N, C-alpha and C. Protein backbone atom coordinates (compact mmCIF):
# COMPACT_ATOMS: atom_id res chain seq x y z
N UNK A 1 0.36 15.54 -15.61
CA UNK A 1 0.82 14.20 -15.34
C UNK A 1 1.25 14.10 -13.88
N UNK A 2 0.84 13.04 -13.23
CA UNK A 2 1.21 12.79 -11.84
C UNK A 2 2.58 12.12 -11.83
N UNK A 3 3.52 12.67 -11.05
CA UNK A 3 4.88 12.14 -11.03
C UNK A 3 5.23 11.47 -9.71
N UNK A 4 4.22 11.08 -8.94
CA UNK A 4 4.44 10.40 -7.67
C UNK A 4 3.76 9.04 -7.68
N UNK A 5 4.08 8.21 -6.70
CA UNK A 5 3.45 6.89 -6.59
C UNK A 5 1.95 7.06 -6.34
N UNK A 6 1.14 6.24 -7.01
CA UNK A 6 -0.31 6.34 -6.87
C UNK A 6 -0.90 4.97 -6.62
N UNK A 7 -2.14 4.96 -6.15
CA UNK A 7 -2.90 3.73 -5.98
C UNK A 7 -4.19 3.86 -6.78
N UNK A 8 -4.47 2.84 -7.57
CA UNK A 8 -5.75 2.75 -8.27
C UNK A 8 -6.34 1.38 -7.98
N UNK A 9 -7.64 1.30 -7.92
CA UNK A 9 -8.32 0.04 -7.61
C UNK A 9 -8.15 -1.00 -8.70
N UNK A 10 -8.56 -2.23 -8.41
CA UNK A 10 -8.38 -3.32 -9.38
C UNK A 10 -9.22 -3.15 -10.64
N UNK A 11 -10.35 -2.46 -10.57
CA UNK A 11 -11.20 -2.29 -11.74
C UNK A 11 -11.00 -0.96 -12.45
N UNK A 12 -9.82 -0.36 -12.30
CA UNK A 12 -9.57 0.96 -12.87
C UNK A 12 -9.34 0.89 -14.37
N UNK A 13 -10.03 1.74 -15.11
CA UNK A 13 -9.77 1.90 -16.54
C UNK A 13 -9.59 3.39 -16.83
N UNK A 14 -8.70 3.68 -17.74
CA UNK A 14 -8.44 5.08 -18.09
C UNK A 14 -9.58 5.66 -18.90
N UNK A 15 -9.79 6.94 -18.74
CA UNK A 15 -10.75 7.65 -19.57
C UNK A 15 -10.11 7.89 -20.94
N UNK A 16 -10.91 8.18 -21.95
CA UNK A 16 -10.32 8.55 -23.24
C UNK A 16 -9.41 9.78 -23.07
N UNK A 17 -8.32 9.86 -23.84
CA UNK A 17 -7.37 10.97 -23.66
C UNK A 17 -8.00 12.35 -23.77
N UNK A 18 -9.07 12.47 -24.52
CA UNK A 18 -9.74 13.75 -24.68
C UNK A 18 -10.33 14.24 -23.35
N UNK A 19 -10.81 13.30 -22.53
CA UNK A 19 -11.46 13.65 -21.26
C UNK A 19 -10.59 13.44 -20.04
N UNK A 20 -9.38 12.96 -20.24
CA UNK A 20 -8.50 12.66 -19.11
C UNK A 20 -7.82 13.93 -18.62
N UNK A 21 -7.98 14.22 -17.35
CA UNK A 21 -7.40 15.44 -16.79
C UNK A 21 -6.05 15.18 -16.14
N UNK A 22 -5.93 14.06 -15.42
CA UNK A 22 -4.68 13.69 -14.77
C UNK A 22 -4.24 12.33 -15.30
N UNK A 23 -3.01 12.25 -15.75
CA UNK A 23 -2.47 10.99 -16.26
C UNK A 23 -1.66 10.34 -15.15
N UNK A 24 -2.01 9.08 -14.82
CA UNK A 24 -1.26 8.33 -13.81
C UNK A 24 -0.52 7.21 -14.52
N UNK A 25 0.80 7.33 -14.68
CA UNK A 25 1.56 6.30 -15.41
C UNK A 25 1.46 4.93 -14.75
N UNK A 26 1.44 3.90 -15.56
CA UNK A 26 1.31 2.54 -15.03
C UNK A 26 2.52 2.14 -14.20
N UNK A 27 3.69 2.67 -14.47
CA UNK A 27 4.88 2.34 -13.70
C UNK A 27 4.86 2.88 -12.29
N UNK A 28 4.00 3.86 -12.02
CA UNK A 28 3.92 4.46 -10.68
C UNK A 28 2.67 4.02 -9.93
N UNK A 29 1.96 3.02 -10.44
CA UNK A 29 0.76 2.53 -9.76
C UNK A 29 1.14 1.38 -8.84
N UNK A 30 0.78 1.50 -7.57
CA UNK A 30 1.12 0.49 -6.58
C UNK A 30 -0.14 -0.19 -6.07
N UNK A 31 -0.05 -1.50 -5.81
CA UNK A 31 -1.17 -2.26 -5.28
C UNK A 31 -0.85 -2.86 -3.92
N UNK A 32 0.44 -2.90 -3.53
CA UNK A 32 0.84 -3.49 -2.26
C UNK A 32 1.74 -2.53 -1.51
N UNK A 33 1.77 -2.69 -0.18
CA UNK A 33 2.60 -1.84 0.66
C UNK A 33 3.30 -2.68 1.72
N UNK A 34 4.49 -2.28 2.09
CA UNK A 34 5.22 -2.93 3.18
C UNK A 34 4.78 -2.28 4.48
N UNK A 35 4.20 -3.08 5.36
CA UNK A 35 3.68 -2.59 6.63
C UNK A 35 4.42 -3.30 7.76
N UNK A 36 4.94 -2.52 8.71
CA UNK A 36 5.68 -3.08 9.84
C UNK A 36 4.77 -3.16 11.05
N UNK A 37 4.72 -4.33 11.67
CA UNK A 37 3.94 -4.53 12.88
C UNK A 37 4.76 -4.00 14.06
N UNK A 38 4.19 -3.11 14.88
CA UNK A 38 4.99 -2.50 15.95
C UNK A 38 5.42 -3.46 17.05
N UNK A 39 4.61 -4.46 17.37
CA UNK A 39 4.95 -5.38 18.46
C UNK A 39 5.83 -6.53 17.97
N UNK A 40 5.51 -7.08 16.80
CA UNK A 40 6.26 -8.22 16.30
C UNK A 40 7.56 -7.82 15.62
N UNK A 41 7.68 -6.55 15.25
CA UNK A 41 8.86 -6.04 14.54
C UNK A 41 9.09 -6.81 13.23
N UNK A 42 7.99 -7.19 12.59
CA UNK A 42 8.04 -7.90 11.31
C UNK A 42 7.40 -7.03 10.24
N UNK A 43 7.86 -7.17 9.01
CA UNK A 43 7.30 -6.43 7.89
C UNK A 43 6.50 -7.36 7.02
N UNK A 44 5.29 -6.93 6.64
CA UNK A 44 4.40 -7.73 5.80
C UNK A 44 4.12 -6.97 4.52
N UNK A 45 3.95 -7.70 3.42
CA UNK A 45 3.61 -7.12 2.13
C UNK A 45 2.10 -7.29 1.95
N UNK A 46 1.33 -6.24 2.25
CA UNK A 46 -0.13 -6.31 2.26
C UNK A 46 -0.73 -5.51 1.11
N UNK A 47 -1.94 -5.91 0.68
CA UNK A 47 -2.64 -5.21 -0.39
C UNK A 47 -3.22 -3.89 0.12
N UNK A 48 -3.13 -2.87 -0.71
CA UNK A 48 -3.72 -1.57 -0.38
C UNK A 48 -5.19 -1.60 -0.78
N UNK A 49 -6.06 -1.16 0.13
CA UNK A 49 -7.50 -1.06 -0.17
C UNK A 49 -7.83 0.34 -0.67
N UNK A 50 -7.24 1.36 -0.07
CA UNK A 50 -7.52 2.72 -0.50
C UNK A 50 -6.66 3.74 0.22
N UNK A 51 -6.70 4.97 -0.28
CA UNK A 51 -5.99 6.08 0.34
C UNK A 51 -7.00 6.86 1.16
N UNK A 52 -6.79 6.92 2.47
CA UNK A 52 -7.73 7.60 3.37
C UNK A 52 -7.52 9.11 3.39
N UNK A 53 -6.27 9.54 3.60
CA UNK A 53 -6.00 10.98 3.71
C UNK A 53 -4.57 11.26 3.29
N UNK A 54 -4.43 12.26 2.44
CA UNK A 54 -3.12 12.73 2.04
C UNK A 54 -2.93 14.13 2.62
N UNK A 55 -1.82 14.39 3.33
CA UNK A 55 -1.64 15.70 3.96
C UNK A 55 -1.45 16.84 2.96
N UNK A 56 -1.19 16.52 1.70
CA UNK A 56 -0.98 17.57 0.69
C UNK A 56 -2.28 18.15 0.15
N UNK A 57 -3.42 17.55 0.49
CA UNK A 57 -4.69 18.14 0.07
C UNK A 57 -5.68 17.11 -0.43
N UNK A 58 -6.94 17.53 -0.58
CA UNK A 58 -7.98 16.60 -1.02
C UNK A 58 -7.83 16.14 -2.47
N UNK A 59 -7.17 16.94 -3.30
CA UNK A 59 -6.96 16.51 -4.70
C UNK A 59 -6.04 15.30 -4.74
N UNK A 60 -4.97 15.33 -3.96
CA UNK A 60 -4.06 14.19 -3.90
C UNK A 60 -4.75 12.97 -3.33
N UNK A 61 -5.63 13.18 -2.35
CA UNK A 61 -6.37 12.06 -1.76
C UNK A 61 -7.29 11.42 -2.79
N UNK A 62 -8.02 12.22 -3.54
CA UNK A 62 -8.95 11.67 -4.53
C UNK A 62 -8.23 11.00 -5.69
N UNK A 63 -7.02 11.46 -6.03
CA UNK A 63 -6.25 10.82 -7.10
C UNK A 63 -5.53 9.56 -6.63
N UNK A 64 -5.43 9.37 -5.33
CA UNK A 64 -4.75 8.19 -4.79
C UNK A 64 -3.24 8.34 -4.75
N UNK A 65 -2.74 9.55 -4.67
CA UNK A 65 -1.30 9.80 -4.63
C UNK A 65 -0.77 9.44 -3.25
N UNK A 66 0.36 8.71 -3.22
CA UNK A 66 0.96 8.29 -1.97
C UNK A 66 2.25 9.08 -1.76
N UNK A 67 2.27 9.94 -0.74
CA UNK A 67 3.45 10.71 -0.38
C UNK A 67 3.76 10.46 1.09
N UNK A 68 4.77 11.15 1.59
CA UNK A 68 5.14 11.00 3.01
C UNK A 68 4.01 11.51 3.89
N UNK A 69 3.56 10.70 4.83
CA UNK A 69 2.49 11.08 5.74
C UNK A 69 1.11 10.66 5.28
N UNK A 70 1.01 9.99 4.15
CA UNK A 70 -0.29 9.56 3.64
C UNK A 70 -0.82 8.41 4.48
N UNK A 71 -2.09 8.47 4.83
CA UNK A 71 -2.74 7.39 5.58
C UNK A 71 -3.42 6.48 4.57
N UNK A 72 -3.00 5.21 4.54
CA UNK A 72 -3.58 4.25 3.61
C UNK A 72 -4.29 3.15 4.38
N UNK A 73 -5.24 2.51 3.72
CA UNK A 73 -5.97 1.39 4.32
C UNK A 73 -5.46 0.11 3.65
N UNK A 74 -5.06 -0.86 4.46
CA UNK A 74 -4.52 -2.11 3.92
C UNK A 74 -5.38 -3.29 4.39
N UNK A 75 -5.30 -4.38 3.65
CA UNK A 75 -6.07 -5.58 3.94
C UNK A 75 -5.27 -6.45 4.91
N UNK A 76 -5.73 -6.53 6.16
CA UNK A 76 -5.03 -7.34 7.17
C UNK A 76 -5.78 -8.63 7.48
N UNK A 77 -6.80 -8.96 6.70
CA UNK A 77 -7.61 -10.14 7.00
C UNK A 77 -6.84 -11.44 6.80
N UNK A 78 -5.93 -11.45 5.85
CA UNK A 78 -5.17 -12.69 5.62
C UNK A 78 -3.68 -12.37 5.52
N UNK A 79 -3.03 -12.05 6.65
CA UNK A 79 -1.60 -11.81 6.59
C UNK A 79 -0.86 -13.11 6.30
N UNK A 80 0.31 -13.02 5.70
CA UNK A 80 1.06 -14.24 5.41
C UNK A 80 1.47 -14.93 6.71
N UNK A 81 1.66 -16.24 6.67
CA UNK A 81 2.06 -16.93 7.91
C UNK A 81 3.41 -16.44 8.40
N UNK A 82 3.51 -16.30 9.71
CA UNK A 82 4.76 -15.83 10.31
C UNK A 82 5.81 -16.93 10.27
N UNK A 83 7.01 -16.53 9.97
CA UNK A 83 8.12 -17.47 9.99
C UNK A 83 9.06 -17.06 11.12
N UNK A 84 8.73 -17.55 12.31
CA UNK A 84 9.52 -17.22 13.49
C UNK A 84 10.45 -18.39 13.77
N UNK A 85 11.75 -18.14 13.84
CA UNK A 85 12.67 -19.24 14.10
C UNK A 85 12.47 -19.81 15.50
N UNK A 86 12.53 -21.12 15.59
CA UNK A 86 12.37 -21.80 16.87
C UNK A 86 13.72 -22.41 17.23
N UNK A 87 14.25 -21.99 18.35
CA UNK A 87 15.53 -22.51 18.80
C UNK A 87 15.29 -23.58 19.85
N UNK A 88 15.77 -24.78 19.57
CA UNK A 88 15.60 -25.89 20.48
C UNK A 88 16.77 -25.96 21.46
N UNK A 89 16.43 -26.24 22.70
CA UNK A 89 17.46 -26.41 23.72
C UNK A 89 17.69 -27.90 23.93
N UNK A 90 18.80 -28.19 24.54
CA UNK A 90 19.08 -29.59 24.86
C UNK A 90 18.13 -30.04 25.96
N UNK A 91 17.67 -31.29 25.88
CA UNK A 91 16.75 -31.76 26.90
C UNK A 91 17.40 -31.80 28.28
N UNK A 92 16.62 -31.45 29.28
CA UNK A 92 17.11 -31.45 30.66
C UNK A 92 16.86 -32.85 31.22
N UNK A 93 17.90 -33.47 31.77
CA UNK A 93 17.78 -34.84 32.31
C UNK A 93 17.76 -34.80 33.82
């Protein structure tokens, strides 16, 4: 049984228990990630597309396990609209 956060795609279905080698609990399956933009200093909640590389090994990468240092691919095509406060000054006469 996998005891860490994992990512599975939207069309994921479990194998029959007889053939299932690794069990990924539904409570530990993640579909979104908080990503911070370095220049804007804003955090966005973006959808995860896939796990590119896990430093713990290729088995963790193929299972989609997300640990510290994991490189993930996120969907940045439609980020949420920015809510930047606009401060108005008094008109100059």
